[in-house]
Structure formats: C-alpha cells, structure tokens
Amino acid sequence: MKSVRRRSAPLVAVGACVLLLSACATDQGASSLPPDSSRSDYGAADVAEAAEGSSSATVEQQLVTTGSSTIVVDDPAGAVDSAREIADELGGQVSDTSTANYGGDPSADVTIRVPAERYDDLPARLGELGSVESSSTEVADVGQEVVDLRARQAALQGSIDRLSQLMAEATTTQDLLAAEEMMTQRQGELDSLTGQLSYLEDRVALSTQQVSFVTGGSSDNLWDDLVSTLVDSSRSLLIVFVGLLPWLIVAGLLAWAATAMVRGARRVRRRRQ
C-alpha cells in the first residue's frame, strides 16, 4: 500500500500543475483589453496628467483684444459703409450691422474684426468719421487656457489611437463593443475641446471692435425735442383720463344722489317745523 501511494503522489502533482497552467491561460485569453479598459474612465488619467503637465509648461502670451466706441456722425448709414471700407483696408471685415431710428434720430451699430497686429490702427481710422464720444479697450491673456486645451487634446487623441489598436486586436464581441463605446465617448470630448480651442485661436487672431454711430443733434433739434416731449406728455395724460373716466362718472352719480338725499331731508325738516 505504501508503494502505491508513493507512485500516485507525483501523478497528482503533475495533474494539479496542468490544471493551474490551463486556468492561467484561460484568464489571460478571456479579454484582449487591459484590466482597466472596461471602465468608462479609461484614458482619463492621461488627460488629467496632461492638464497637470501643461500648468508647469512655459506659457506664451495669447491676447484677446476687444474694444467699443461711440462716434457722433451726420449720417450713420454712410458711416457704416465707410467702416466697412476701413475694415477691408486693414484686412478685416464687418461681421454684424444693425440700424435704428427712434424719435427721428437714426443710429447704427457695427461689429468690426481685424487682424490683431492691425487693431491699433482701427480706432484712429474710425475717429476720422466723426466725433468720438466714448472709447474703451480690453485685453485678456488666454495663453494658459490655450496650453491646457492643447495638452488635453493631445492626450485624448493618444487615448483614441490606443483604443483603435485595441479594437483591431479585440478577440471577442464584448471587447469590441466596450472599445467602441469608449471610443465614442473620447471622440465627443475631443471634438468639444477642438471647438473650444478653435474659438480661442480665432479670437486671438482677430481683434473685435463694437462701434455705435449716432447723430449729435441737440441744439439744432431743441424745439423739435420740446414739442415731441409735450406731445408724449399729452398722450400720457389723455390715456390716464380715459382710464379714470368711468370711475369719475360713478363718483359723480354717487355725489349727485347724496346731495339729492340731503336736500330732501332738509325739506322734510322744514315742513315739520
């Protein structure tokens, strides 16, 4: 019995090793994706690491310049045409225009965009069209924001490239579907970042000026303004009177009835006396 037990012991050990090796092979072949690839945050660590690294990188100035001005002119519509010509000469364009005419005072608003390196010439050229009533300019540095967006964009693109490789090497339908889901999510994030980056780069490349063209007439149209004010006041009073008229009629009738009652009471007293 002892010899039989000694011979069977090596066989049992060999069988156990074979089972262990087959189990390990099964675990390794169960999924062609990395252990963490089934999670929705796969690749998010790369994006976070890229954002942290961008904060320590050398940041180049990226200036966004916006300005606004109000210019008194004789003909706002004509000033808009002149502003469009100025924008063309500076290599820019007029992106938006609007006109109005309130109380006989015409006005026009325009949005002018010119290359950043030519912006300093724009206010002076516009000032030649009339009398500058007000003017302001704001400059914001978005360099750090641009660097962060570019770093996150590169990290997301790297994550998408790795997911594409995993999809090509996927051995099961489950792995393929998981990779496609993560690919869709990463692609959406990349498209959003690309849009934000394009918007900032456009604002850096082209400076913006908001211009309001108005007419100055104050002393010349003083009488017309006075008449217009009186007419508006008369209209307001007429509206108030029409609104109160029914209540005035009711109050008059009540007063007449009360007076008639008092007079009747007095007559009765006199007769009794």
Protein backbone atom coordinates (compact mmCIF):
# COMPACT_ATOMS: atom_id res chain seq x y z
CA MET A 1 0.00 0.00 0.00
CA LYS A 2 2.88 2.40 0.80
CA SER A 3 4.44 1.82 -2.68
CA VAL A 4 1.14 2.59 -4.43
CA ARG A 5 0.75 5.85 -2.53
CA ARG A 6 4.30 6.92 -3.35
CA ARG A 7 3.72 6.30 -7.10
CA SER A 8 0.37 8.18 -7.24
CA ALA A 9 1.71 11.28 -5.49
CA PRO A 10 3.80 12.51 -8.48
CA LEU A 11 0.84 11.95 -10.81
CA VAL A 12 -1.43 14.08 -8.61
CA ALA A 13 1.17 16.86 -8.51
CA VAL A 14 1.56 16.86 -12.30
CA GLY A 15 -2.24 16.99 -12.78
CA ALA A 16 -2.52 19.93 -10.43
CA CYS A 17 0.18 21.84 -12.34
CA VAL A 18 -1.59 21.18 -15.64
CA LEU A 19 -4.90 22.48 -14.27
CA LEU A 20 -3.22 25.57 -12.83
CA LEU A 21 -1.48 26.41 -16.11
CA SER A 22 -4.70 25.97 -18.11
CA ALA A 23 -6.60 28.24 -15.71
CA CYS A 24 -3.95 30.95 -16.09
CA ALA A 25 -4.10 30.65 -19.88
CA THR A 26 -7.88 30.93 -19.77
CA ASP A 27 -7.71 34.09 -17.64
CA GLN A 28 -5.19 35.70 -19.97
CA GLY A 29 -7.22 34.91 -23.09
CA ALA A 30 -10.59 35.89 -21.63
CA SER A 31 -10.16 39.50 -22.67
CA SER A 32 -7.79 41.19 -25.10
CA LEU A 33 -8.37 44.57 -23.38
CA PRO A 34 -6.32 45.84 -20.42
CA PRO A 35 -7.78 45.17 -16.96
CA ASP A 36 -8.92 48.75 -16.57
CA SER A 37 -10.25 49.16 -20.12
CA SER A 38 -13.76 48.07 -19.15
CA ARG A 39 -14.16 51.18 -17.07
CA SER A 40 -15.65 54.36 -18.52
CA ASP A 41 -12.69 56.39 -17.25
CA TYR A 42 -10.15 54.52 -19.35
CA GLY A 43 -7.72 57.15 -20.65
CA ALA A 44 -8.97 59.83 -18.23
CA ALA A 45 -5.75 59.55 -16.23
CA ASP A 46 -3.79 60.52 -19.34
CA VAL A 47 -5.95 63.63 -19.79
CA ALA A 48 -5.55 64.63 -16.13
CA GLU A 49 -1.79 64.07 -16.30
CA ALA A 50 -1.56 66.18 -19.45
CA ALA A 51 -3.53 69.01 -17.80
CA GLU A 52 -1.19 68.95 -14.78
CA GLY A 53 1.87 68.93 -17.02
CA SER A 54 0.59 71.91 -19.03
CA SER A 55 0.43 74.07 -15.90
CA SER A 56 4.19 73.78 -15.46
CA ALA A 57 5.00 74.35 -19.15
CA THR A 58 6.22 77.70 -20.48
CA VAL A 59 3.14 79.73 -21.42
CA GLU A 60 3.24 82.08 -24.40
CA GLN A 61 1.00 85.14 -24.31
CA GLN A 62 -2.22 84.76 -26.24
CA LEU A 63 -4.02 88.12 -26.15
CA VAL A 64 -7.71 88.63 -26.90
CA THR A 65 -8.44 92.29 -27.65
CA THR A 66 -11.97 93.73 -27.65
CA GLY A 67 -13.00 97.37 -27.83
CA SER A 68 -16.05 99.57 -28.06
CA SER A 69 -16.67 103.17 -29.11
CA THR A 70 -19.46 105.64 -29.73
CA ILE A 71 -18.97 108.10 -32.60
CA VAL A 72 -21.20 111.06 -33.42
CA VAL A 73 -21.75 111.40 -37.18
CA ASP A 74 -24.16 113.17 -39.51
CA ASP A 75 -25.14 110.05 -41.46
CA PRO A 76 -24.93 106.74 -39.53
CA ALA A 77 -25.77 104.66 -42.62
CA GLY A 78 -22.99 106.29 -44.58
CA ALA A 79 -20.61 105.81 -41.65
CA VAL A 80 -21.33 102.06 -41.76
CA ASP A 81 -20.24 101.94 -45.41
CA SER A 82 -17.07 103.87 -44.55
CA ALA A 83 -16.37 101.50 -41.62
CA ARG A 84 -16.70 98.53 -43.97
CA GLU A 85 -14.12 100.10 -46.31
CA ILE A 86 -11.74 100.70 -43.39
CA ALA A 87 -12.11 97.08 -42.26
CA ASP A 88 -11.31 95.84 -45.78
CA GLU A 89 -8.20 98.05 -45.96
CA LEU A 90 -6.96 96.62 -42.65
CA GLY A 91 -7.52 93.05 -43.78
CA GLY A 92 -10.64 92.51 -41.68
CA GLN A 93 -14.38 92.56 -42.11
CA VAL A 94 -17.67 93.85 -40.70
CA SER A 95 -19.38 90.83 -39.15
CA ASP A 96 -22.63 92.37 -37.85
CA THR A 97 -24.63 95.53 -38.55
CA SER A 98 -27.90 96.97 -37.26
CA THR A 99 -29.71 100.27 -37.75
CA ALA A 100 -32.46 102.08 -35.85
CA ASN A 101 -34.44 105.31 -35.96
CA TYR A 102 -36.05 106.36 -32.68
CA GLY A 103 -37.77 109.73 -32.50
CA GLY A 104 -36.21 110.86 -35.74
CA ASP A 105 -32.65 110.13 -34.51
CA PRO A 106 -31.03 107.50 -36.75
CA SER A 107 -28.26 105.27 -35.39
CA ALA A 108 -26.25 102.24 -36.45
CA ASP A 109 -24.20 99.57 -34.69
CA VAL A 110 -21.41 97.57 -36.34
CA THR A 111 -19.01 94.83 -35.24
CA ILE A 112 -15.60 95.03 -36.90
CA ARG A 113 -12.96 92.29 -36.77
CA VAL A 114 -9.41 92.93 -37.94
CA PRO A 115 -6.09 91.06 -37.57
CA ALA A 116 -4.65 91.60 -34.09
CA GLU A 117 -1.50 93.25 -35.44
CA ARG A 118 -3.62 95.91 -37.23
CA TYR A 119 -6.01 96.67 -34.39
CA ASP A 120 -4.10 99.72 -33.15
CA ASP A 121 -4.85 101.47 -36.46
CA LEU A 122 -8.60 100.84 -36.25
CA PRO A 123 -9.74 103.33 -33.54
CA ALA A 124 -7.83 106.18 -35.18
CA ARG A 125 -9.29 105.42 -38.60
CA LEU A 126 -12.81 105.22 -37.19
CA GLY A 127 -12.29 108.52 -35.35
CA GLU A 128 -11.89 110.24 -38.70
CA LEU A 129 -15.54 109.50 -39.49
CA GLY A 130 -16.90 111.84 -36.80
CA SER A 131 -16.52 112.93 -33.19
CA VAL A 132 -15.58 110.17 -30.73
CA GLU A 133 -17.94 110.40 -27.76
CA SER A 134 -16.52 107.40 -25.83
CA SER A 135 -13.98 104.65 -26.38
CA SER A 136 -12.63 101.69 -24.40
CA THR A 137 -10.36 98.66 -24.99
CA GLU A 138 -9.97 95.42 -23.00
CA VAL A 139 -7.14 92.91 -23.34
CA ALA A 140 -7.25 89.40 -21.84
CA ASP A 141 -4.44 86.82 -21.85
CA VAL A 142 -5.77 83.32 -22.59
CA GLY A 143 -2.35 81.70 -23.05
CA GLN A 144 -2.71 79.26 -20.15
CA GLU A 145 -6.16 78.21 -21.30
CA VAL A 146 -4.86 77.55 -24.82
CA VAL A 147 -1.97 75.47 -23.47
CA ASP A 148 -4.32 73.40 -21.28
CA LEU A 149 -6.71 72.75 -24.17
CA ARG A 150 -3.89 71.67 -26.48
CA ALA A 151 -2.46 69.30 -23.85
CA ARG A 152 -5.85 67.72 -23.20
CA GLN A 153 -6.45 67.49 -26.95
CA ALA A 154 -3.17 65.60 -27.46
CA ALA A 155 -3.91 63.26 -24.54
CA LEU A 156 -7.38 62.44 -25.85
CA GLN A 157 -6.00 61.81 -29.32
CA GLY A 158 -3.47 59.39 -27.84
CA SER A 159 -6.23 57.60 -25.95
CA ILE A 160 -8.28 57.30 -29.15
CA ASP A 161 -5.29 55.89 -31.04
CA ARG A 162 -4.77 53.22 -28.35
CA LEU A 163 -8.46 52.35 -28.40
CA SER A 164 -8.31 51.97 -32.19
CA GLN A 165 -5.47 49.49 -31.76
CA LEU A 166 -7.40 47.59 -29.10
CA MET A 167 -10.44 47.39 -31.39
CA ALA A 168 -8.26 45.92 -34.12
CA GLU A 169 -6.88 43.32 -31.69
CA ALA A 170 -10.18 42.51 -29.95
CA THR A 171 -10.93 38.76 -29.89
CA THR A 172 -14.48 38.85 -28.55
CA THR A 173 -17.61 40.81 -29.37
CA GLN A 174 -17.79 42.06 -25.79
CA ASP A 175 -14.30 43.57 -26.01
CA LEU A 176 -15.11 45.18 -29.36
CA LEU A 177 -18.34 46.78 -28.09
CA ALA A 178 -16.61 48.08 -24.94
CA ALA A 179 -13.82 49.64 -27.00
CA GLU A 180 -16.33 51.22 -29.42
CA GLU A 181 -18.27 52.76 -26.51
CA MET A 182 -15.14 54.27 -25.03
CA MET A 183 -14.04 55.44 -28.48
CA THR A 184 -17.34 57.31 -28.98
CA GLN A 185 -17.03 59.00 -25.59
CA ARG A 186 -13.43 60.06 -26.17
CA GLN A 187 -14.20 61.31 -29.68
CA GLY A 188 -17.02 63.51 -28.35
CA GLU A 189 -14.71 65.01 -25.73
CA LEU A 190 -12.04 65.60 -28.37
CA ASP A 191 -14.49 67.36 -30.70
CA SER A 192 -15.62 69.63 -27.85
CA LEU A 193 -12.04 70.57 -26.96
CA THR A 194 -11.21 71.19 -30.61
CA GLY A 195 -14.16 73.57 -30.90
CA GLN A 196 -13.13 75.50 -27.78
CA LEU A 197 -9.54 75.74 -28.98
CA SER A 198 -10.60 76.96 -32.44
CA TYR A 199 -12.81 79.63 -30.86
CA LEU A 200 -9.97 80.95 -28.69
CA GLU A 201 -7.46 80.90 -31.54
CA ASP A 202 -9.91 82.84 -33.72
CA ARG A 203 -10.39 85.50 -31.04
CA VAL A 204 -6.63 85.80 -30.62
CA ALA A 205 -6.01 86.13 -34.34
CA LEU A 206 -8.81 88.67 -34.95
CA SER A 207 -9.48 91.57 -32.57
CA THR A 208 -13.06 92.86 -32.23
CA GLN A 209 -14.40 96.42 -32.12
CA GLN A 210 -18.03 97.31 -31.37
CA VAL A 211 -18.94 100.72 -32.85
CA SER A 212 -22.12 102.77 -32.36
CA PHE A 213 -22.74 105.59 -34.83
CA VAL A 214 -25.19 108.19 -33.51
CA THR A 215 -26.34 111.64 -34.55
CA GLY A 216 -25.39 114.54 -32.32
CA GLY A 217 -28.34 116.91 -32.92
CA SER A 218 -29.08 118.57 -29.58
CA SER A 219 -29.21 122.35 -30.07
CA ASP A 220 -30.47 122.23 -33.68
CA ASN A 221 -33.39 120.00 -32.77
CA LEU A 222 -34.15 121.51 -29.36
CA TRP A 223 -37.55 122.86 -30.42
CA ASP A 224 -38.49 119.58 -32.09
CA ASP A 225 -37.48 117.68 -28.96
CA LEU A 226 -39.57 120.03 -26.79
CA VAL A 227 -42.63 119.61 -28.99
CA SER A 228 -42.17 115.85 -29.05
CA THR A 229 -41.95 115.78 -25.25
CA LEU A 230 -45.12 117.85 -24.89
CA VAL A 231 -46.99 115.62 -27.32
CA ASP A 232 -45.87 112.50 -25.46
CA SER A 233 -46.92 114.03 -22.13
CA SER A 234 -50.35 114.99 -23.53
CA ARG A 235 -50.86 111.47 -24.79
CA SER A 236 -49.99 110.06 -21.38
CA LEU A 237 -52.45 112.41 -19.64
CA LEU A 238 -55.18 111.53 -22.14
CA ILE A 239 -54.65 107.83 -21.52
CA VAL A 240 -54.88 108.37 -17.75
CA PHE A 241 -58.05 110.47 -18.14
CA VAL A 242 -59.74 107.85 -20.34
CA GLY A 243 -58.88 105.18 -17.80
CA LEU A 244 -60.36 107.20 -14.92
CA LEU A 245 -63.45 108.42 -16.81
CA PRO A 246 -65.77 105.51 -15.83
CA TRP A 247 -64.82 105.93 -12.17
CA LEU A 248 -65.36 109.69 -12.39
CA ILE A 249 -68.86 109.14 -13.78
CA VAL A 250 -69.74 106.71 -10.98
CA ALA A 251 -68.35 109.10 -8.38
CA GLY A 252 -70.39 111.96 -9.90
CA LEU A 253 -73.60 109.93 -9.78
CA LEU A 254 -73.00 108.97 -6.15
CA ALA A 255 -72.31 112.59 -5.25
CA TRP A 256 -75.48 113.73 -7.04
CA ALA A 257 -77.55 111.07 -5.24
CA ALA A 258 -76.08 112.01 -1.86
CA THR A 259 -76.79 115.71 -2.50
CA ALA A 260 -80.38 114.94 -3.51
CA MET A 261 -80.93 112.91 -0.34
CA VAL A 262 -79.55 115.68 1.86
CA ARG A 263 -81.77 118.29 0.20
CA GLY A 264 -84.82 116.06 0.55
CA ALA A 265 -84.11 115.55 4.25
CA ARG A 266 -83.84 119.30 4.76
CA ARG A 267 -87.18 119.92 3.06
CA VAL A 268 -88.87 117.37 5.27
CA ARG A 269 -87.50 119.07 8.40
CA ARG A 270 -88.67 122.49 7.24
CA ARG A 271 -92.20 121.22 6.61
CA ARG A 272 -92.39 119.69 10.07
CA GLN A 273 -91.27 122.90 11.64
